[in-house]
Amino acid sequence: MFEQLANLPTAIKQYLIITGNYWAFTLTDGALRMLVVLHFHQLGYGALAIAMLFLFYEIFGVITNLVGGWLGAHLGLNKTMNFGLALQIIALAMLCAPSEWLTVAYVMAAQALSGIAKDLNKMSAKSAIKHLVPEGESGQGQLYKWVAILTGSKNALKGVGFFLGGLLLTVLGFVGALKALILLLTIAWIISVVFLKGDMGKAKNKPKFKELFSKSRAINLLSAARLCLFAARDVWFVVALPIYLAQQFNWNFWWVSGFMALWVIGYGGVQSQAPRITGTSNSSVDTVKHAYLWVLLLSGVTALLALFMQLEVAVHATLIIGLLIFGGVFAVNSSVHSYLIVSFAKSDGVSLDVGFYYMANAMGRLLGTVLSGWVFQVYGFVACLWASVILLILASIATAFLTKNKS
């Protein structure tokens, strides 16, 4: 087996290292989120207070995606990826501190480091693929497939990480679980440091700091659509949904977390199959049209779900079935977007464009998380769904302009 791996083309070996690195990180990231949620739930924190523990995680994700792209272009993507892994190890180690240290401020600081680590790792992984696929139209189908596999497998493993976090907490306790995750991530970090190519993603013409913001109309429109798309998901999924399931369905915490973990795994599975669902094309223009049709479909699905919930039509069945359909259609949208940004990005300094785009993604998550808590608390769950519909209409408008893009 090792001989077969050694004989693989260099691009394939680098892709496997990047993907394995991303998988290990994602597994620990999902597990850490569940560990924090479960542990602080046991300490008596309410759902909204727990959600706020992740506020810095999202805020620093926005900053990291913007600055991280510039760093990747200057230093190389291997360095930003390895630095992200190292930061996550530090964040995990911080939470191994004595329980009396684990104040809200301290945990938020650890989560801030984890947010920086996560987006450095994601930006590096997505950008690196651009350098592993041949230039020109002949490579576009392969690029779509590789991005879809990386993105889909990441989200599936995030769901597995939810389960892993609960299992490790039960078997090893909070600190023991963190130490197990540190060990896993340290192994991935060593492999990445030793085997990942050092010059990947380093721009030939070093970009200036003022070039962080994209000048490409296509990338700006795609970023705006991405911001609205992820805000539309998180405005009802992050805080409102788990609280609603617990309050209205009388599900216990394990039922809620288990169901959401399975949803994320299924969501990731659909993402990885997006090229088969939409069909691959050698033209990004065709894929933009797919993006527009799929976001329109998602808007319609969400509007129907909001209407049925408002009219109280078979609430349990409507929500579960609607959530599954939403997840499938959203997964295709997300995967098509992930391909388009890598396709649109300039090869020289690709991380600048990808970093700017994922900054918009992080801003969408942040907006959605804050709105989810506020809208649910003031207006209720159905209002969160209608807020999602409005955001999806905005995403549709941005994508419509993208279909007419000439540059």
Protein backbone atom coordinates (compact mmCIF):
# COMPACT_ATOMS: atom_id res chain seq x y z
CA MET A 1 0.00 0.00 0.00
CA PHE A 2 2.82 2.40 0.89
CA GLU A 3 4.48 1.71 -2.49
CA GLN A 4 1.23 2.57 -4.27
CA LEU A 5 0.99 5.84 -2.32
CA ALA A 6 4.62 6.67 -3.14
CA ASN A 7 3.94 6.16 -6.86
CA LEU A 8 0.95 8.51 -6.97
CA PRO A 9 1.35 11.78 -8.94
CA THR A 10 2.62 14.67 -6.82
CA ALA A 11 -0.64 16.62 -7.20
CA ILE A 12 -2.67 13.65 -5.90
CA LYS A 13 -0.33 13.16 -2.91
CA GLN A 14 -0.51 16.86 -2.02
CA TYR A 15 -4.33 16.76 -2.35
CA LEU A 16 -4.48 13.74 -0.01
CA ILE A 17 -2.26 15.49 2.57
CA ILE A 18 -4.36 18.67 2.41
CA THR A 19 -7.60 16.72 2.64
CA GLY A 20 -6.35 14.57 5.54
CA ASN A 21 -5.16 17.71 7.31
CA TYR A 22 -8.56 19.36 6.78
CA TRP A 23 -10.38 16.23 7.95
CA ALA A 24 -8.38 16.01 11.19
CA PHE A 25 -8.96 19.68 11.91
CA THR A 26 -12.68 19.48 11.14
CA LEU A 27 -13.14 16.43 13.34
CA THR A 28 -11.58 18.23 16.31
CA ASP A 29 -13.47 21.46 15.52
CA GLY A 30 -16.85 19.69 15.58
CA ALA A 31 -15.92 17.76 18.71
CA LEU A 32 -14.74 20.93 20.47
CA ARG A 33 -18.00 22.73 19.70
CA MET A 34 -20.03 19.88 21.18
CA LEU A 35 -17.70 19.58 24.19
CA VAL A 36 -18.16 23.27 24.99
CA VAL A 37 -21.94 23.12 24.48
CA LEU A 38 -22.40 19.99 26.59
CA HIS A 39 -19.97 20.96 29.33
CA PHE A 40 -21.39 24.44 29.85
CA HIS A 41 -24.92 23.08 29.58
CA GLN A 42 -24.04 20.78 32.49
CA LEU A 43 -22.77 23.83 34.38
CA GLY A 44 -26.22 25.42 34.03
CA TYR A 45 -25.69 27.88 31.18
CA GLY A 46 -28.74 28.67 29.02
CA ALA A 47 -28.80 28.08 25.25
CA LEU A 48 -28.40 31.76 24.33
CA ALA A 49 -25.53 32.20 26.81
CA ILE A 50 -23.79 29.15 25.29
CA ALA A 51 -24.30 30.57 21.79
CA MET A 52 -22.59 33.78 22.89
CA LEU A 53 -19.49 31.77 23.85
CA PHE A 54 -18.97 31.33 20.11
CA LEU A 55 -19.32 35.03 19.28
CA PHE A 56 -15.55 35.66 19.14
CA TYR A 57 -15.16 32.43 17.15
CA GLU A 58 -17.23 33.99 14.37
CA ILE A 59 -15.90 37.55 14.69
CA PHE A 60 -12.27 36.45 14.45
CA GLY A 61 -13.22 34.20 11.54
CA VAL A 62 -14.21 37.33 9.59
CA ILE A 63 -10.89 39.03 10.37
CA THR A 64 -8.84 35.90 9.68
CA ASN A 65 -10.31 35.27 6.25
CA LEU A 66 -9.47 38.81 5.19
CA VAL A 67 -5.91 38.93 6.58
CA GLY A 68 -5.24 35.21 6.10
CA GLY A 69 -5.50 35.48 2.31
CA TRP A 70 -2.82 38.16 2.31
CA LEU A 71 -0.61 36.04 4.59
CA GLY A 72 -1.09 33.00 2.36
CA ALA A 73 -0.01 34.96 -0.72
CA HIS A 74 3.13 36.19 1.09
CA LEU A 75 4.16 33.15 3.12
CA GLY A 76 2.71 30.20 1.20
CA LEU A 77 -0.39 28.13 1.98
CA ASN A 78 1.55 25.38 3.74
CA LYS A 79 2.63 27.86 6.44
CA THR A 80 -0.86 29.29 7.00
CA MET A 81 -2.33 25.78 7.14
CA ASN A 82 0.26 24.56 9.64
CA PHE A 83 -0.08 27.72 11.72
CA GLY A 84 -3.84 27.13 11.85
CA LEU A 85 -3.28 23.62 13.18
CA ALA A 86 -0.86 24.89 15.80
CA LEU A 87 -3.33 27.56 16.98
CA GLN A 88 -6.07 24.95 17.36
CA ILE A 89 -3.76 22.83 19.53
CA ILE A 90 -3.13 25.90 21.72
CA ALA A 91 -6.88 26.62 21.94
CA LEU A 92 -7.55 23.04 23.06
CA ALA A 93 -4.72 23.22 25.60
CA MET A 94 -6.15 26.46 27.05
CA LEU A 95 -9.39 24.67 27.88
CA CYS A 96 -7.46 22.00 29.82
CA ALA A 97 -6.94 24.63 32.53
CA PRO A 98 -8.45 24.15 36.02
CA SER A 99 -12.24 24.55 36.08
CA GLU A 100 -12.06 27.77 38.11
CA TRP A 101 -10.21 29.39 35.18
CA LEU A 102 -13.00 28.60 32.73
CA THR A 103 -14.84 31.89 32.96
CA VAL A 104 -16.93 33.12 30.03
CA ALA A 105 -14.20 35.60 29.02
CA TYR A 106 -11.50 32.90 29.14
CA VAL A 107 -13.54 30.45 27.04
CA MET A 108 -14.38 33.20 24.54
CA ALA A 109 -10.64 33.90 24.20
CA ALA A 110 -9.96 30.22 23.52
CA GLN A 111 -12.79 30.19 20.99
CA ALA A 112 -11.29 33.27 19.33
CA LEU A 113 -8.05 31.32 18.75
CA SER A 114 -10.07 28.38 17.47
CA GLY A 115 -11.94 30.67 15.07
CA ILE A 116 -8.66 32.02 13.70
CA ALA A 117 -7.31 28.48 13.37
CA LYS A 118 -10.39 27.15 11.60
CA ASP A 119 -10.51 29.84 8.93
CA LEU A 120 -6.75 29.77 8.32
CA ASN A 121 -7.04 26.03 7.75
CA LYS A 122 -10.12 26.29 5.50
CA MET A 123 -8.79 29.18 3.42
CA SER A 124 -5.49 27.34 2.92
CA ALA A 125 -7.12 24.05 1.94
CA LYS A 126 -9.57 25.60 -0.53
CA SER A 127 -6.89 27.83 -2.09
CA ALA A 128 -4.32 25.04 -2.40
CA ILE A 129 -6.57 22.96 -4.65
CA LYS A 130 -6.38 25.68 -7.32
CA HIS A 131 -2.66 24.88 -7.72
CA LEU A 132 -3.19 21.12 -8.04
CA VAL A 133 -5.54 21.18 -11.05
CA PRO A 134 -4.38 22.01 -14.60
CA GLU A 135 -5.19 25.50 -15.89
CA GLY A 136 -7.80 26.01 -18.61
CA GLU A 137 -11.23 24.61 -19.30
CA SER A 138 -10.04 21.00 -19.32
CA GLY A 139 -9.40 21.16 -15.59
CA GLN A 140 -12.67 22.78 -14.53
CA GLY A 141 -14.64 19.54 -14.18
CA GLN A 142 -11.86 18.02 -12.07
CA LEU A 143 -11.65 21.19 -9.98
CA TYR A 144 -15.41 21.05 -9.26
CA LYS A 145 -15.17 17.40 -8.20
CA TRP A 146 -12.17 17.96 -5.91
CA VAL A 147 -13.69 21.03 -4.27
CA ALA A 148 -17.00 19.20 -3.79
CA ILE A 149 -15.28 16.20 -2.16
CA LEU A 150 -13.22 18.42 0.15
CA THR A 151 -16.21 20.58 1.13
CA GLY A 152 -18.69 17.73 1.51
CA SER A 153 -16.38 15.46 3.46
CA LYS A 154 -15.54 18.38 5.77
CA ASN A 155 -19.16 18.91 6.72
CA ALA A 156 -19.84 15.19 7.09
CA LEU A 157 -16.85 14.93 9.44
CA LYS A 158 -18.06 17.96 11.37
CA GLY A 159 -21.20 15.97 12.14
CA VAL A 160 -19.07 12.99 13.15
CA GLY A 161 -17.14 15.40 15.36
CA PHE A 162 -20.39 16.27 17.19
CA PHE A 163 -20.80 12.59 18.06
CA LEU A 164 -17.11 12.24 18.93
CA GLY A 165 -17.29 15.18 21.33
CA GLY A 166 -20.23 13.67 23.21
CA LEU A 167 -18.61 10.22 23.29
CA LEU A 168 -15.24 11.49 24.53
CA LEU A 169 -16.92 13.63 27.18
CA THR A 170 -18.83 10.60 28.46
CA VAL A 171 -15.83 8.24 28.44
CA LEU A 172 -12.87 10.51 29.27
CA GLY A 173 -14.39 13.60 30.82
CA PHE A 174 -13.87 17.17 29.65
CA VAL A 175 -10.08 17.43 30.09
CA GLY A 176 -9.45 13.85 28.94
CA ALA A 177 -11.45 14.50 25.78
CA LEU A 178 -9.44 17.64 25.05
CA LYS A 179 -6.15 15.77 25.49
CA ALA A 180 -7.31 13.08 23.02
CA LEU A 181 -8.11 15.78 20.46
CA ILE A 182 -4.73 17.43 21.04
CA LEU A 183 -3.00 14.11 20.31
CA LEU A 184 -4.95 13.62 17.07
CA LEU A 185 -4.24 17.14 15.86
CA THR A 186 -0.54 16.98 16.79
CA ILE A 187 -0.11 13.90 14.57
CA ALA A 188 -1.83 15.72 11.68
CA TRP A 189 0.36 18.78 12.25
CA ILE A 190 3.60 16.75 12.14
CA ILE A 191 2.55 15.04 8.88
CA SER A 192 1.62 18.38 7.35
CA VAL A 193 4.89 20.08 8.37
CA VAL A 194 6.98 17.23 6.95
CA PHE A 195 5.19 16.47 3.69
CA LEU A 196 3.35 19.58 2.48
CA LYS A 197 5.16 21.52 -0.27
CA GLY A 198 6.65 24.80 0.97
CA ASP A 199 5.99 27.06 -2.03
CA MET A 200 2.32 26.30 -2.63
CA GLY A 201 0.18 29.41 -3.08
CA LYS A 202 3.00 31.94 -2.63
CA ALA A 203 2.35 34.82 -5.01
CA LYS A 204 5.05 35.78 -7.49
CA ASN A 205 4.02 39.42 -7.24
CA LYS A 206 3.63 40.13 -3.53
CA PRO A 207 0.26 41.84 -2.99
CA LYS A 208 0.06 44.99 -0.92
CA PHE A 209 -2.07 45.05 2.20
CA LYS A 210 -4.51 47.49 0.52
CA GLU A 211 -5.24 44.79 -2.09
CA LEU A 212 -7.09 42.64 0.46
CA PHE A 213 -10.45 43.71 -0.94
CA SER A 214 -11.33 42.08 -4.24
CA LYS A 215 -11.51 44.27 -7.34
CA SER A 216 -13.30 41.57 -9.33
CA ARG A 217 -17.01 42.25 -9.91
CA ALA A 218 -17.70 38.51 -10.15
CA ILE A 219 -16.04 37.75 -6.81
CA ASN A 220 -17.78 40.69 -5.12
CA LEU A 221 -21.19 39.49 -6.32
CA LEU A 222 -20.45 35.89 -5.40
CA SER A 223 -19.27 37.02 -1.95
CA ALA A 224 -22.46 39.04 -1.40
CA ALA A 225 -24.55 36.02 -2.37
CA ARG A 226 -22.51 33.81 -0.03
CA LEU A 227 -22.98 36.22 2.89
CA CYS A 228 -26.76 36.19 2.44
CA LEU A 229 -26.85 32.43 1.83
CA PHE A 230 -25.11 31.51 5.09
CA ALA A 231 -26.93 34.16 7.10
CA ALA A 232 -30.16 32.61 5.77
CA ARG A 233 -29.11 29.21 7.11
CA ASP A 234 -27.83 30.30 10.50
CA VAL A 235 -30.66 32.75 11.25
CA TRP A 236 -32.84 29.76 12.12
CA PHE A 237 -30.45 26.83 12.40
CA VAL A 238 -27.79 27.88 14.93
CA VAL A 239 -29.75 29.04 17.99
CA ALA A 240 -33.47 29.06 17.16
CA LEU A 241 -33.79 25.46 15.91
CA PRO A 242 -32.15 23.59 18.83
CA ILE A 243 -34.08 25.67 21.39
CA TYR A 244 -37.34 25.18 19.47
CA LEU A 245 -36.80 21.40 19.25
CA ALA A 246 -36.17 21.25 22.99
CA GLN A 247 -39.10 23.50 23.94
CA GLN A 248 -41.83 22.50 21.48
CA PHE A 249 -40.91 18.89 20.68
CA ASN A 250 -39.76 18.14 24.24
CA TRP A 251 -36.58 16.55 22.92
CA ASN A 252 -33.76 16.11 25.42
CA PHE A 253 -30.33 17.53 24.70
CA TRP A 254 -28.95 14.29 23.26
CA TRP A 255 -31.86 13.98 20.83
CA VAL A 256 -31.33 17.56 19.67
CA SER A 257 -27.56 17.30 19.25
CA GLY A 258 -27.81 13.84 17.67
CA PHE A 259 -30.40 14.96 15.15
CA MET A 260 -28.38 18.03 14.21
CA ALA A 261 -25.23 15.93 13.88
CA LEU A 262 -27.00 13.54 11.49
CA TRP A 263 -28.30 16.54 9.54
CA VAL A 264 -24.77 17.92 9.13
CA ILE A 265 -23.44 14.49 8.05
CA GLY A 266 -26.21 14.16 5.45
CA TYR A 267 -25.63 17.74 4.34
CA GLY A 268 -21.94 16.98 3.79
CA GLY A 269 -22.79 13.82 1.86
CA VAL A 270 -25.00 15.77 -0.55
CA GLN A 271 -22.28 18.42 -0.96
CA SER A 272 -19.75 15.83 -2.06
CA GLN A 273 -22.19 14.57 -4.71
CA ALA A 274 -23.06 18.03 -6.07
CA PRO A 275 -21.18 17.53 -9.39
CA ARG A 276 -23.36 14.47 -10.08
CA ILE A 277 -26.53 16.34 -9.13
CA THR A 278 -25.86 19.50 -11.17
CA GLY A 279 -23.62 17.91 -13.79
CA THR A 280 -20.07 19.04 -14.45
CA SER A 281 -19.20 21.59 -17.10
CA ASN A 282 -16.02 23.01 -18.58
CA SER A 283 -17.56 26.48 -18.32
CA SER A 284 -18.01 28.44 -15.10
CA VAL A 285 -20.78 30.37 -16.92
CA ASP A 286 -22.95 27.25 -16.94
CA THR A 287 -22.23 26.69 -13.25
CA VAL A 288 -23.29 30.27 -12.44
CA LYS A 289 -26.65 29.51 -14.07
CA HIS A 290 -26.91 26.40 -11.89
CA ALA A 291 -26.16 28.56 -8.83
CA TYR A 292 -29.01 30.93 -9.74
CA LEU A 293 -31.55 28.14 -10.29
CA TRP A 294 -30.60 26.37 -7.06
CA VAL A 295 -30.82 29.50 -4.89
CA LEU A 296 -34.26 30.22 -6.38
CA LEU A 297 -35.28 26.66 -5.47
CA LEU A 298 -33.95 27.13 -1.94
CA SER A 299 -35.90 30.38 -1.58
CA GLY A 300 -39.10 28.60 -2.59
CA VAL A 301 -38.50 25.64 -0.25
CA THR A 302 -37.86 27.95 2.70
CA ALA A 303 -40.91 30.12 1.93
CA LEU A 304 -43.15 27.02 1.85
CA LEU A 305 -41.65 25.80 5.13
CA ALA A 306 -42.24 29.20 6.77
CA LEU A 307 -45.83 29.32 5.46
CA PHE A 308 -46.70 25.79 6.63
CA MET A 309 -45.16 26.47 10.04
CA GLN A 310 -47.08 29.73 10.37
CA LEU A 311 -50.35 27.96 9.48
CA GLU A 312 -49.38 25.14 11.91
CA VAL A 313 -49.79 22.42 9.28
CA ALA A 314 -48.55 19.13 10.81
CA VAL A 315 -45.81 21.05 12.63
CA HIS A 316 -43.61 18.08 13.58
CA ALA A 317 -43.63 16.47 10.14
CA THR A 318 -43.39 19.82 8.33
CA LEU A 319 -40.31 20.91 10.27
CA ILE A 320 -38.43 17.60 10.03
CA ILE A 321 -39.18 17.03 6.34
CA GLY A 322 -38.65 20.71 5.55
CA LEU A 323 -35.30 20.71 7.35
CA LEU A 324 -34.13 17.69 5.37
CA ILE A 325 -35.17 19.20 2.03
CA PHE A 326 -33.63 22.55 2.99
CA GLY A 327 -30.39 20.79 3.93
CA GLY A 328 -30.15 18.96 0.61
CA VAL A 329 -30.86 22.02 -1.55
CA PHE A 330 -28.63 24.24 0.59
CA ALA A 331 -25.77 21.72 0.30
CA VAL A 332 -25.86 21.89 -3.50
CA ASN A 333 -25.89 25.71 -3.34
CA SER A 334 -22.89 25.73 -1.01
CA SER A 335 -20.90 23.27 -3.10
CA VAL A 336 -21.53 25.16 -6.35
CA HIS A 337 -20.40 28.39 -4.63
CA SER A 338 -17.25 26.74 -3.28
CA TYR A 339 -16.31 25.65 -6.79
CA LEU A 340 -17.06 29.05 -8.34
CA ILE A 341 -14.81 31.01 -5.98
CA VAL A 342 -11.86 28.70 -6.64
CA SER A 343 -12.59 28.90 -10.37
CA PHE A 344 -12.87 32.71 -10.39
CA ALA A 345 -9.80 33.30 -8.22
CA LYS A 346 -6.56 34.41 -9.87
CA SER A 347 -3.88 31.71 -9.80
CA ASP A 348 -1.21 34.14 -8.60
CA GLY A 349 -2.24 34.99 -5.06
CA VAL A 350 -5.35 32.79 -5.13
CA SER A 351 -5.64 33.00 -1.33
CA LEU A 352 -6.45 36.75 -1.54
CA ASP A 353 -9.64 36.12 -3.50
CA VAL A 354 -10.58 32.99 -1.54
CA GLY A 355 -9.86 34.74 1.76
CA PHE A 356 -12.05 37.73 0.80
CA TYR A 357 -14.87 35.39 -0.20
CA TYR A 358 -14.71 33.36 3.02
CA MET A 359 -14.63 36.60 4.98
CA ALA A 360 -18.09 37.23 3.51
CA ASN A 361 -19.01 33.65 4.46
CA ALA A 362 -17.91 34.30 8.07
CA MET A 363 -19.79 37.60 8.15
CA GLY A 364 -22.90 35.73 7.05
CA ARG A 365 -22.47 33.19 9.85
CA LEU A 366 -21.93 35.97 12.37
CA LEU A 367 -24.99 37.91 11.18
CA GLY A 368 -27.10 34.75 11.15
CA THR A 369 -25.98 33.71 14.65
CA VAL A 370 -26.79 37.09 16.20
CA LEU A 371 -30.11 37.40 14.34
CA SER A 372 -31.04 33.83 15.27
CA GLY A 373 -30.89 34.59 18.98
CA TRP A 374 -32.50 38.04 18.75
CA VAL A 375 -35.32 37.28 16.27
CA PHE A 376 -36.22 34.02 18.03
CA GLN A 377 -36.28 35.63 21.46
CA VAL A 378 -38.38 38.64 20.34
CA TYR A 379 -40.58 37.30 17.53
CA GLY A 380 -40.38 33.49 17.62
CA PHE A 381 -39.26 30.64 15.40
CA VAL A 382 -41.48 31.32 12.38
CA ALA A 383 -40.09 34.86 12.17
CA CYS A 384 -36.60 33.34 11.87
CA LEU A 385 -37.80 31.35 8.85
CA TRP A 386 -39.23 34.47 7.18
CA ALA A 387 -35.96 36.30 7.88
CA SER A 388 -34.24 33.41 6.10
CA VAL A 389 -36.54 33.85 3.09
CA ILE A 390 -35.67 37.57 2.85
CA LEU A 391 -31.94 36.81 2.99
CA LEU A 392 -32.31 34.13 0.29
CA ILE A 393 -34.13 36.58 -1.97
CA LEU A 394 -31.16 38.94 -1.56
CA ALA A 395 -28.80 36.04 -2.41
CA SER A 396 -30.91 35.34 -5.52
CA ILE A 397 -30.64 38.97 -6.64
CA ALA A 398 -26.83 38.96 -6.24
CA THR A 399 -26.60 35.69 -8.18
CA ALA A 400 -28.87 37.06 -10.92
CA PHE A 401 -26.41 39.93 -11.43
CA LEU A 402 -23.61 37.36 -11.47
CA THR A 403 -25.23 35.56 -14.45
CA LYS A 404 -24.90 38.82 -16.39
CA ASN A 405 -21.31 39.43 -15.33
CA LYS A 406 -18.93 40.28 -18.18
CA SER A 407 -15.64 40.39 -16.27
